[in-house]
Amino acid sequence: MQDQAALPSIGVFDSGVGGLTVLRELRRRMPQVPLRYVADAAHTPYGEKTPDFIVEHLRAQGAQLLVVACNTATAHAVDALRRQWPTVPIVGTEPGVKPAVAASRNGRVGVLATPATIASARYQSLLSRHAGGAQIISQPCPGLADLIEQGALDSPALKQLVSEQCEPLRAAGVDTVLMGCTHYPLIQPLLQEALGADVKLLNIESAVAQQAERLWAGLALPSGGDSISLQSTGDAAALTRFVHAALGWSGLQAERLSTT
């Protein structure tokens, strides 16, 4: 166990299960790099809290590169994290407004995100820099990530909430919708059904993993194997069940990470 902890790795964290979509893409692109994932469920939602403890823990476990696999945490905390750890490459996760605008045919783009992300100065800056002449319809989705966290991805309550939150985008006639929270790709079929087959759904996981891959290559570290470590500051058994059901990684077991 100590030898595994000493291996150079990529540390990934989110407030819950949403960052698993980023973890999955990282594993696909970098199968020989050890990955350490922490679901900081005890502190969700992050809001403006900087998750210093999690970063310190991942660094102590050998993480040489960090991925903030949460749009809300990126919006509120990534700048502070980069100031605190200036020598550590840190990859944030934020809505890809620029590629969404480029993908749109009619210039009407929807963004589904948490209320905290939409209210953040970082998101507003993204809009001012990349919206161009497109009409951006920003749809806050209160409660959606929480329902996804519960793991019942086909529940009537989840389907009803998805329908309600997609309705303003349907009414606006968007042809492209950006999933601005890493939780949302876990229910992409539900979102596609609610928006209609002609609406293009985009996520940010591929771009995040591509940036992490580029930065990792620049570190020139030895390959450490294909291990994946899962930890949660909340219910580790719930994280294990979710990983098995949603990702099909049946051989993995999450551990409880104490914050005291």
C-alpha atoms as a PDB file:
ATOM      1  CA  MET A   1       0.000   0.000   0.000  1.00  0.00           C
ATOM      2  CA  GLN A   2       2.842   2.362   0.838  1.00  0.00           C
ATOM      3  CA  ASP A   3       4.494   1.660  -2.492  1.00  0.00           C
ATOM      4  CA  GLN A   4       1.257   2.486  -4.308  1.00  0.00           C
ATOM      5  CA  ALA A   5       0.944   5.741  -2.370  1.00  0.00           C
ATOM      6  CA  ALA A   6       4.434   6.783  -3.455  1.00  0.00           C
ATOM      7  CA  LEU A   7       3.670   6.441  -7.157  1.00  0.00           C
ATOM      8  CA  PRO A   8       3.293   9.664  -9.143  1.00  0.00           C
ATOM      9  CA  SER A   9      -0.397   9.979  -9.934  1.00  0.00           C
ATOM     10  CA  ILE A  10      -3.138  12.310 -11.097  1.00  0.00           C
ATOM     11  CA  GLY A  11      -5.422  13.499  -8.319  1.00  0.00           C
ATOM     12  CA  VAL A  12      -9.055  14.106  -9.249  1.00  0.00           C
ATOM     13  CA  PHE A  13     -11.751  15.490  -6.984  1.00  0.00           C
ATOM     14  CA  ASP A  14     -15.368  16.568  -7.058  1.00  0.00           C
ATOM     15  CA  SER A  15     -18.051  17.231  -4.467  1.00  0.00           C
ATOM     16  CA  GLY A  16     -19.560  13.842  -5.312  1.00  0.00           C
ATOM     17  CA  VAL A  17     -19.966  11.460  -8.241  1.00  0.00           C
ATOM     18  CA  GLY A  18     -20.014  13.992 -11.081  1.00  0.00           C
ATOM     19  CA  GLY A  19     -16.252  13.927 -11.512  1.00  0.00           C
ATOM     20  CA  LEU A  20     -16.440  10.241 -12.353  1.00  0.00           C
ATOM     21  CA  THR A  21     -17.231  11.274 -15.924  1.00  0.00           C
ATOM     22  CA  VAL A  22     -13.861  13.053 -16.017  1.00  0.00           C
ATOM     23  CA  LEU A  23     -12.152  10.089 -14.338  1.00  0.00           C
ATOM     24  CA  ARG A  24     -13.569   7.770 -16.986  1.00  0.00           C
ATOM     25  CA  GLU A  25     -12.182   9.942 -19.787  1.00  0.00           C
ATOM     26  CA  LEU A  26      -8.804  10.219 -18.074  1.00  0.00           C
ATOM     27  CA  ARG A  27      -8.591   6.437 -17.840  1.00  0.00           C
ATOM     28  CA  ARG A  28      -9.526   6.112 -21.515  1.00  0.00           C
ATOM     29  CA  ARG A  29      -6.836   8.536 -22.628  1.00  0.00           C
ATOM     30  CA  MET A  30      -4.112   7.579 -20.105  1.00  0.00           C
ATOM     31  CA  PRO A  31      -4.548   3.902 -19.210  1.00  0.00           C
ATOM     32  CA  GLN A  32      -1.057   3.584 -17.665  1.00  0.00           C
ATOM     33  CA  VAL A  33      -1.289   6.539 -15.270  1.00  0.00           C
ATOM     34  CA  PRO A  34      -2.391   5.945 -11.650  1.00  0.00           C
ATOM     35  CA  LEU A  35      -5.537   7.916 -10.793  1.00  0.00           C
ATOM     36  CA  ARG A  36      -6.739   8.972  -7.343  1.00  0.00           C
ATOM     37  CA  TYR A  37     -10.317  10.149  -7.019  1.00  0.00           C
ATOM     38  CA  VAL A  38     -11.870  11.829  -3.998  1.00  0.00           C
ATOM     39  CA  ALA A  39     -15.600  12.475  -3.769  1.00  0.00           C
ATOM     40  CA  ASP A  40     -15.765  15.232  -1.179  1.00  0.00           C
ATOM     41  CA  ALA A  41     -19.386  14.427  -0.363  1.00  0.00           C
ATOM     42  CA  ALA A  42     -19.103  15.690   3.206  1.00  0.00           C
ATOM     43  CA  HIS A  43     -18.652  19.251   1.959  1.00  0.00           C
ATOM     44  CA  THR A  44     -21.099  19.405  -0.940  1.00  0.00           C
ATOM     45  CA  PRO A  45     -22.087  21.846  -2.308  1.00  0.00           C
ATOM     46  CA  TYR A  46     -18.750  23.664  -2.427  1.00  0.00           C
ATOM     47  CA  GLY A  47     -20.049  27.158  -3.038  1.00  0.00           C
ATOM     48  CA  GLU A  48     -17.073  29.409  -2.353  1.00  0.00           C
ATOM     49  CA  LYS A  49     -15.279  26.991  -0.021  1.00  0.00           C
ATOM     50  CA  THR A  50     -11.776  26.172  -1.191  1.00  0.00           C
ATOM     51  CA  PRO A  51     -11.203  22.410  -0.812  1.00  0.00           C
ATOM     52  CA  ASP A  52      -7.709  22.787   0.658  1.00  0.00           C
ATOM     53  CA  PHE A  53      -7.833  19.577   2.702  1.00  0.00           C
ATOM     54  CA  ILE A  54      -8.546  17.420  -0.340  1.00  0.00           C
ATOM     55  CA  VAL A  55      -5.689  18.921  -2.332  1.00  0.00           C
ATOM     56  CA  GLU A  56      -3.278  18.451   0.571  1.00  0.00           C
ATOM     57  CA  HIS A  57      -4.401  14.832   0.918  1.00  0.00           C
ATOM     58  CA  LEU A  58      -3.960  14.071  -2.774  1.00  0.00           C
ATOM     59  CA  ARG A  59      -0.537  15.703  -2.809  1.00  0.00           C
ATOM     60  CA  ALA A  60       0.528  13.613   0.185  1.00  0.00           C
ATOM     61  CA  GLN A  61      -0.601  10.513  -1.718  1.00  0.00           C
ATOM     62  CA  GLY A  62       1.692  11.308  -4.646  1.00  0.00           C
ATOM     63  CA  ALA A  63      -0.497  13.401  -6.941  1.00  0.00           C
ATOM     64  CA  GLN A  64       1.735  15.401  -9.268  1.00  0.00           C
ATOM     65  CA  LEU A  65      -1.133  16.906 -11.242  1.00  0.00           C
ATOM     66  CA  LEU A  66      -4.598  17.867 -10.019  1.00  0.00           C
ATOM     67  CA  VAL A  67      -7.912  17.900 -11.847  1.00  0.00           C
ATOM     68  CA  VAL A  68     -10.751  19.902 -10.313  1.00  0.00           C
ATOM     69  CA  ALA A  69     -13.506  17.739 -11.822  1.00  0.00           C
ATOM     70  CA  CYS A  70     -16.299  20.054 -10.718  1.00  0.00           C
ATOM     71  CA  ASN A  71     -17.571  23.117 -12.550  1.00  0.00           C
ATOM     72  CA  THR A  72     -18.720  24.876  -9.380  1.00  0.00           C
ATOM     73  CA  ALA A  73     -15.449  24.287  -7.526  1.00  0.00           C
ATOM     74  CA  THR A  74     -13.534  25.486 -10.575  1.00  0.00           C
ATOM     75  CA  ALA A  75     -15.617  28.644 -10.796  1.00  0.00           C
ATOM     76  CA  HIS A  76     -15.107  29.548  -7.153  1.00  0.00           C
ATOM     77  CA  ALA A  77     -11.824  27.973  -6.072  1.00  0.00           C
ATOM     78  CA  VAL A  78      -9.402  27.129  -8.877  1.00  0.00           C
ATOM     79  CA  ASP A  79      -7.671  30.531  -8.887  1.00  0.00           C
ATOM     80  CA  ALA A  80      -7.057  30.294  -5.143  1.00  0.00           C
ATOM     81  CA  LEU A  81      -5.746  26.751  -5.516  1.00  0.00           C
ATOM     82  CA  ARG A  82      -3.307  27.823  -8.215  1.00  0.00           C
ATOM     83  CA  ARG A  83      -2.018  30.645  -6.012  1.00  0.00           C
ATOM     84  CA  GLN A  84      -1.562  28.271  -3.083  1.00  0.00           C
ATOM     85  CA  TRP A  85       0.192  25.544  -5.132  1.00  0.00           C
ATOM     86  CA  PRO A  86       1.954  27.534  -7.882  1.00  0.00           C
ATOM     87  CA  THR A  87       4.266  24.682  -8.883  1.00  0.00           C
ATOM     88  CA  VAL A  88       1.505  22.072  -9.294  1.00  0.00           C
ATOM     89  CA  PRO A  89      -0.313  21.816 -12.642  1.00  0.00           C
ATOM     90  CA  ILE A  90      -4.041  22.196 -11.936  1.00  0.00           C
ATOM     91  CA  VAL A  91      -6.690  21.550 -14.580  1.00  0.00           C
ATOM     92  CA  GLY A  92     -10.088  23.120 -14.019  1.00  0.00           C
ATOM     93  CA  THR A  93     -13.457  22.159 -15.446  1.00  0.00           C
ATOM     94  CA  GLU A  94     -15.625  24.892 -16.854  1.00  0.00           C
ATOM     95  CA  PRO A  95     -18.405  25.165 -19.448  1.00  0.00           C
ATOM     96  CA  GLY A  96     -17.026  25.112 -22.976  1.00  0.00           C
ATOM     97  CA  VAL A  97     -18.906  28.147 -24.234  1.00  0.00           C
ATOM     98  CA  LYS A  98     -16.576  28.725 -27.185  1.00  0.00           C
ATOM     99  CA  PRO A  99     -16.935  25.225 -28.740  1.00  0.00           C
ATOM    100  CA  ALA A 100     -20.687  25.279 -28.075  1.00  0.00           C
ATOM    101  CA  VAL A 101     -21.064  28.537 -29.986  1.00  0.00           C
ATOM    102  CA  ALA A 102     -18.958  27.119 -32.819  1.00  0.00           C
ATOM    103  CA  ALA A 103     -21.142  23.991 -32.967  1.00  0.00           C
ATOM    104  CA  SER A 104     -24.445  25.869 -33.139  1.00  0.00           C
ATOM    105  CA  ARG A 105     -26.169  26.269 -36.489  1.00  0.00           C
ATOM    106  CA  ASN A 106     -28.791  28.830 -35.495  1.00  0.00           C
ATOM    107  CA  GLY A 107     -26.811  30.821 -32.923  1.00  0.00           C
ATOM    108  CA  ARG A 108     -29.007  29.824 -29.977  1.00  0.00           C
ATOM    109  CA  VAL A 109     -27.085  27.885 -27.329  1.00  0.00           C
ATOM    110  CA  GLY A 110     -28.335  26.525 -24.038  1.00  0.00           C
ATOM    111  CA  VAL A 111     -26.186  25.954 -20.966  1.00  0.00           C
ATOM    112  CA  LEU A 112     -27.340  23.638 -18.185  1.00  0.00           C
ATOM    113  CA  ALA A 113     -25.402  24.286 -14.978  1.00  0.00           C
ATOM    114  CA  THR A 114     -25.711  24.650 -11.232  1.00  0.00           C
ATOM    115  CA  PRO A 115     -27.026  27.984  -9.917  1.00  0.00           C
ATOM    116  CA  ALA A 116     -23.621  28.598  -8.297  1.00  0.00           C
ATOM    117  CA  THR A 117     -21.780  28.154 -11.594  1.00  0.00           C
ATOM    118  CA  ILE A 118     -24.122  30.458 -13.491  1.00  0.00           C
ATOM    119  CA  ALA A 119     -23.887  33.115 -10.789  1.00  0.00           C
ATOM    120  CA  SER A 120     -20.082  33.017 -10.702  1.00  0.00           C
ATOM    121  CA  ALA A 121     -17.899  35.776 -12.090  1.00  0.00           C
ATOM    122  CA  ARG A 122     -15.838  33.176 -13.937  1.00  0.00           C
ATOM    123  CA  TYR A 123     -18.867  31.977 -15.926  1.00  0.00           C
ATOM    124  CA  GLN A 124     -19.917  35.525 -16.735  1.00  0.00           C
ATOM    125  CA  SER A 125     -16.393  36.165 -17.987  1.00  0.00           C
ATOM    126  CA  LEU A 126     -16.629  33.104 -20.239  1.00  0.00           C
ATOM    127  CA  LEU A 127     -19.814  34.501 -21.759  1.00  0.00           C
ATOM    128  CA  SER A 128     -18.333  37.937 -22.349  1.00  0.00           C
ATOM    129  CA  ARG A 129     -15.237  36.466 -24.000  1.00  0.00           C
ATOM    130  CA  HIS A 130     -16.738  33.674 -26.093  1.00  0.00           C
ATOM    131  CA  ALA A 131     -20.451  34.210 -26.733  1.00  0.00           C
ATOM    132  CA  GLY A 132     -19.823  36.473 -29.711  1.00  0.00           C
ATOM    133  CA  GLY A 133     -23.095  37.143 -31.483  1.00  0.00           C
ATOM    134  CA  ALA A 134     -24.755  33.978 -30.208  1.00  0.00           C
ATOM    135  CA  GLN A 135     -27.730  34.013 -27.878  1.00  0.00           C
ATOM    136  CA  ILE A 136     -26.810  32.082 -24.721  1.00  0.00           C
ATOM    137  CA  ILE A 137     -29.670  30.784 -22.595  1.00  0.00           C
ATOM    138  CA  SER A 138     -28.233  29.946 -19.191  1.00  0.00           C
ATOM    139  CA  GLN A 139     -30.493  27.502 -17.375  1.00  0.00           C
ATOM    140  CA  PRO A 140     -29.819  26.975 -13.659  1.00  0.00           C
ATOM    141  CA  CYS A 141     -30.623  23.447 -12.504  1.00  0.00           C
ATOM    142  CA  PRO A 142     -31.202  23.509  -8.740  1.00  0.00           C
ATOM    143  CA  GLY A 143     -31.421  20.051  -7.236  1.00  0.00           C
ATOM    144  CA  LEU A 144     -30.406  18.137 -10.370  1.00  0.00           C
ATOM    145  CA  ALA A 145     -26.898  17.180  -9.252  1.00  0.00           C
ATOM    146  CA  ASP A 146     -28.305  16.171  -5.852  1.00  0.00           C
ATOM    147  CA  LEU A 147     -30.795  13.773  -7.441  1.00  0.00           C
ATOM    148  CA  ILE A 148     -28.066  12.282  -9.620  1.00  0.00           C
ATOM    149  CA  GLU A 149     -25.963  11.769  -6.496  1.00  0.00           C
ATOM    150  CA  GLN A 150     -28.716   9.578  -5.068  1.00  0.00           C
ATOM    151  CA  GLY A 151     -28.014   7.066  -7.843  1.00  0.00           C
ATOM    152  CA  ALA A 152     -31.562   6.376  -9.076  1.00  0.00           C
ATOM    153  CA  LEU A 153     -30.892   7.561 -12.607  1.00  0.00           C
ATOM    154  CA  ASP A 154     -34.257   6.410 -13.979  1.00  0.00           C
ATOM    155  CA  SER A 155     -36.475   7.644 -11.142  1.00  0.00           C
ATOM    156  CA  PRO A 156     -39.720   9.493 -11.969  1.00  0.00           C
ATOM    157  CA  ALA A 157     -38.586  12.447  -9.846  1.00  0.00           C
ATOM    158  CA  LEU A 158     -35.370  12.794 -11.839  1.00  0.00           C
ATOM    159  CA  LYS A 159     -37.189  12.516 -15.170  1.00  0.00           C
ATOM    160  CA  GLN A 160     -39.690  15.170 -14.088  1.00  0.00           C
ATOM    161  CA  LEU A 161     -36.980  17.581 -12.979  1.00  0.00           C
ATOM    162  CA  VAL A 162     -35.046  17.093 -16.220  1.00  0.00           C
ATOM    163  CA  SER A 163     -38.167  17.818 -18.243  1.00  0.00           C
ATOM    164  CA  GLU A 164     -38.917  20.985 -16.278  1.00  0.00           C
ATOM    165  CA  GLN A 165     -35.386  22.325 -16.503  1.00  0.00           C
ATOM    166  CA  CYS A 166     -35.038  21.599 -20.212  1.00  0.00           C
ATOM    167  CA  GLU A 167     -38.366  23.254 -21.092  1.00  0.00           C
ATOM    168  CA  PRO A 168     -36.984  26.844 -21.232  1.00  0.00           C
ATOM    169  CA  LEU A 169     -34.283  25.671 -23.650  1.00  0.00           C
ATOM    170  CA  ARG A 170     -36.827  23.928 -25.856  1.00  0.00           C
ATOM    171  CA  ALA A 171     -38.979  27.059 -25.828  1.00  0.00           C
ATOM    172  CA  ALA A 172     -35.978  29.187 -26.833  1.00  0.00           C
ATOM    173  CA  GLY A 173     -35.321  26.996 -29.874  1.00  0.00           C
ATOM    174  CA  VAL A 174     -31.714  26.151 -29.025  1.00  0.00           C
ATOM    175  CA  ASP A 175     -29.979  23.693 -31.324  1.00  0.00           C
ATOM    176  CA  THR A 176     -26.952  23.110 -29.078  1.00  0.00           C
ATOM    177  CA  VAL A 177     -26.866  22.524 -25.330  1.00  0.00           C
ATOM    178  CA  LEU A 178     -23.772  22.472 -23.158  1.00  0.00           C
ATOM    179  CA  MET A 179     -23.776  20.228 -20.104  1.00  0.00           C
ATOM    180  CA  GLY A 180     -22.101  22.627 -17.700  1.00  0.00           C
ATOM    181  CA  CYS A 181     -21.805  20.219 -14.770  1.00  0.00           C
ATOM    182  CA  THR A 182     -19.838  16.982 -14.706  1.00  0.00           C
ATOM    183  CA  HIS A 183     -22.837  15.198 -13.182  1.00  0.00           C
ATOM    184  CA  TYR A 184     -25.010  15.739 -16.223  1.00  0.00           C
ATOM    185  CA  PRO A 185     -23.343  13.354 -18.714  1.00  0.00           C
ATOM    186  CA  LEU A 186     -24.368  10.561 -16.325  1.00  0.00           C
ATOM    187  CA  ILE A 187     -27.967  11.218 -17.444  1.00  0.00           C
ATOM    188  CA  GLN A 188     -27.243  12.229 -21.029  1.00  0.00           C
ATOM    189  CA  PRO A 189     -29.958   9.936 -22.487  1.00  0.00           C
ATOM    190  CA  LEU A 190     -32.589  11.611 -20.268  1.00  0.00           C
ATOM    191  CA  LEU A 191     -31.400  15.066 -21.271  1.00  0.00           C
ATOM    192  CA  GLN A 192     -31.378  14.148 -24.956  1.00  0.00           C
ATOM    193  CA  GLU A 193     -34.914  12.795 -24.719  1.00  0.00           C
ATOM    194  CA  ALA A 194     -36.136  15.941 -22.968  1.00  0.00           C
ATOM    195  CA  LEU A 195     -34.439  18.311 -25.425  1.00  0.00           C
ATOM    196  CA  GLY A 196     -35.223  16.394 -28.600  1.00  0.00           C
ATOM    197  CA  ALA A 197     -33.151  14.329 -30.985  1.00  0.00           C
ATOM    198  CA  ASP A 198     -32.198  17.331 -33.138  1.00  0.00           C
ATOM    199  CA  VAL A 199     -30.437  19.162 -30.286  1.00  0.00           C
ATOM    200  CA  LYS A 200     -26.697  18.613 -30.045  1.00  0.00           C
ATOM    201  CA  LEU A 201     -25.470  17.861 -26.507  1.00  0.00           C
ATOM    202  CA  LEU A 202     -21.897  18.775 -25.602  1.00  0.00           C
ATOM    203  CA  ASN A 203     -19.784  18.030 -22.532  1.00  0.00           C
ATOM    204  CA  ILE A 204     -16.358  19.186 -21.376  1.00  0.00           C
ATOM    205  CA  GLU A 205     -14.787  15.917 -20.143  1.00  0.00           C
ATOM    206  CA  SER A 206     -12.799  15.235 -23.307  1.00  0.00           C
ATOM    207  CA  ALA A 207     -11.211  18.687 -23.297  1.00  0.00           C
ATOM    208  CA  VAL A 208     -10.332  18.392 -19.587  1.00  0.00           C
ATOM    209  CA  ALA A 209      -8.698  15.003 -20.094  1.00  0.00           C
ATOM    210  CA  GLN A 210      -6.841  16.224 -23.171  1.00  0.00           C
ATOM    211  CA  GLN A 211      -5.384  19.146 -21.202  1.00  0.00           C
ATOM    212  CA  ALA A 212      -4.431  16.834 -18.338  1.00  0.00           C
ATOM    213  CA  GLU A 213      -2.745  14.469 -20.784  1.00  0.00           C
ATOM    214  CA  ARG A 214      -0.736  17.324 -22.290  1.00  0.00           C
ATOM    215  CA  LEU A 215       0.407  18.618 -18.895  1.00  0.00           C
ATOM    216  CA  TRP A 216       1.228  15.111 -17.642  1.00  0.00           C
ATOM    217  CA  ALA A 217       3.430  14.478 -20.669  1.00  0.00           C
ATOM    218  CA  GLY A 218       5.286  17.697 -19.869  1.00  0.00           C
ATOM    219  CA  LEU A 219       6.133  16.420 -16.386  1.00  0.00           C
ATOM    220  CA  ALA A 220       8.060  13.496 -17.923  1.00  0.00           C
ATOM    221  CA  LEU A 221       7.263  11.162 -15.023  1.00  0.00           C
ATOM    222  CA  PRO A 222       7.728   7.381 -15.118  1.00  0.00           C
ATOM    223  CA  SER A 223       4.691   5.236 -15.797  1.00  0.00           C
ATOM    224  CA  GLY A 224       3.321   3.896 -12.529  1.00  0.00           C
ATOM    225  CA  GLY A 225       0.699   1.387 -13.657  1.00  0.00           C
ATOM    226  CA  ASP A 226      -3.030   1.469 -14.169  1.00  0.00           C
ATOM    227  CA  SER A 227      -4.283   1.669 -10.577  1.00  0.00           C
ATOM    228  CA  ILE A 228      -7.406   3.633  -9.630  1.00  0.00           C
ATOM    229  CA  SER A 229      -8.024   4.688  -6.040  1.00  0.00           C
ATOM    230  CA  LEU A 230     -11.486   5.825  -4.926  1.00  0.00           C
ATOM    231  CA  GLN A 231     -12.204   7.656  -1.685  1.00  0.00           C
ATOM    232  CA  SER A 232     -15.150   9.570  -0.269  1.00  0.00           C
ATOM    233  CA  THR A 233     -15.454  11.926   2.669  1.00  0.00           C
ATOM    234  CA  GLY A 234     -19.078  10.757   2.804  1.00  0.00           C
ATOM    235  CA  ASP A 235     -20.594   7.316   2.173  1.00  0.00           C
ATOM    236  CA  ALA A 236     -17.903   5.154   0.571  1.00  0.00           C
ATOM    237  CA  ALA A 237     -20.343   2.294  -0.015  1.00  0.00           C
ATOM    238  CA  ALA A 238     -22.619   4.608  -1.989  1.00  0.00           C
ATOM    239  CA  LEU A 239     -19.696   5.704  -4.163  1.00  0.00           C
ATOM    240  CA  THR A 240     -18.774   2.059  -4.762  1.00  0.00           C
ATOM    241  CA  ARG A 241     -22.323   1.205  -5.834  1.00  0.00           C
ATOM    242  CA  PHE A 242     -22.427   4.177  -8.180  1.00  0.00           C
ATOM    243  CA  VAL A 243     -19.109   3.299  -9.801  1.00  0.00           C
ATOM    244  CA  HIS A 244     -20.273  -0.275 -10.357  1.00  0.00           C
ATOM    245  CA  ALA A 245     -23.663   0.731 -11.783  1.00  0.00           C
ATOM    246  CA  ALA A 246     -22.797   3.827 -13.820  1.00  0.00           C
ATOM    247  CA  LEU A 247     -19.272   3.019 -15.030  1.00  0.00           C
ATOM    248  CA  GLY A 248     -19.274  -0.770 -14.901  1.00  0.00           C
ATOM    249  CA  TRP A 249     -16.022  -0.828 -12.922  1.00  0.00           C
ATOM    250  CA  SER A 250     -17.109  -3.719 -10.737  1.00  0.00           C
ATOM    251  CA  GLY A 251     -13.639  -4.502  -9.416  1.00  0.00           C
ATOM    252  CA  LEU A 252     -13.208  -1.195  -7.553  1.00  0.00           C
ATOM    253  CA  GLN A 253     -14.062  -0.464  -3.923  1.00  0.00           C
ATOM    254  CA  ALA A 254     -14.115   3.014  -2.452  1.00  0.00           C
ATOM    255  CA  GLU A 255     -12.676   3.827   0.958  1.00  0.00           C
ATOM    256  CA  ARG A 256     -13.845   6.322   3.549  1.00  0.00           C
ATOM    257  CA  LEU A 257     -11.621   9.395   3.905  1.00  0.00           C
ATOM    258  CA  SER A 258     -11.916  11.032   7.297  1.00  0.00           C
ATOM    259  CA  THR A 259     -11.701  14.804   7.427  1.00  0.00           C
ATOM    260  CA  THR A 260     -11.149  14.966  11.193  1.00  0.00           C
END
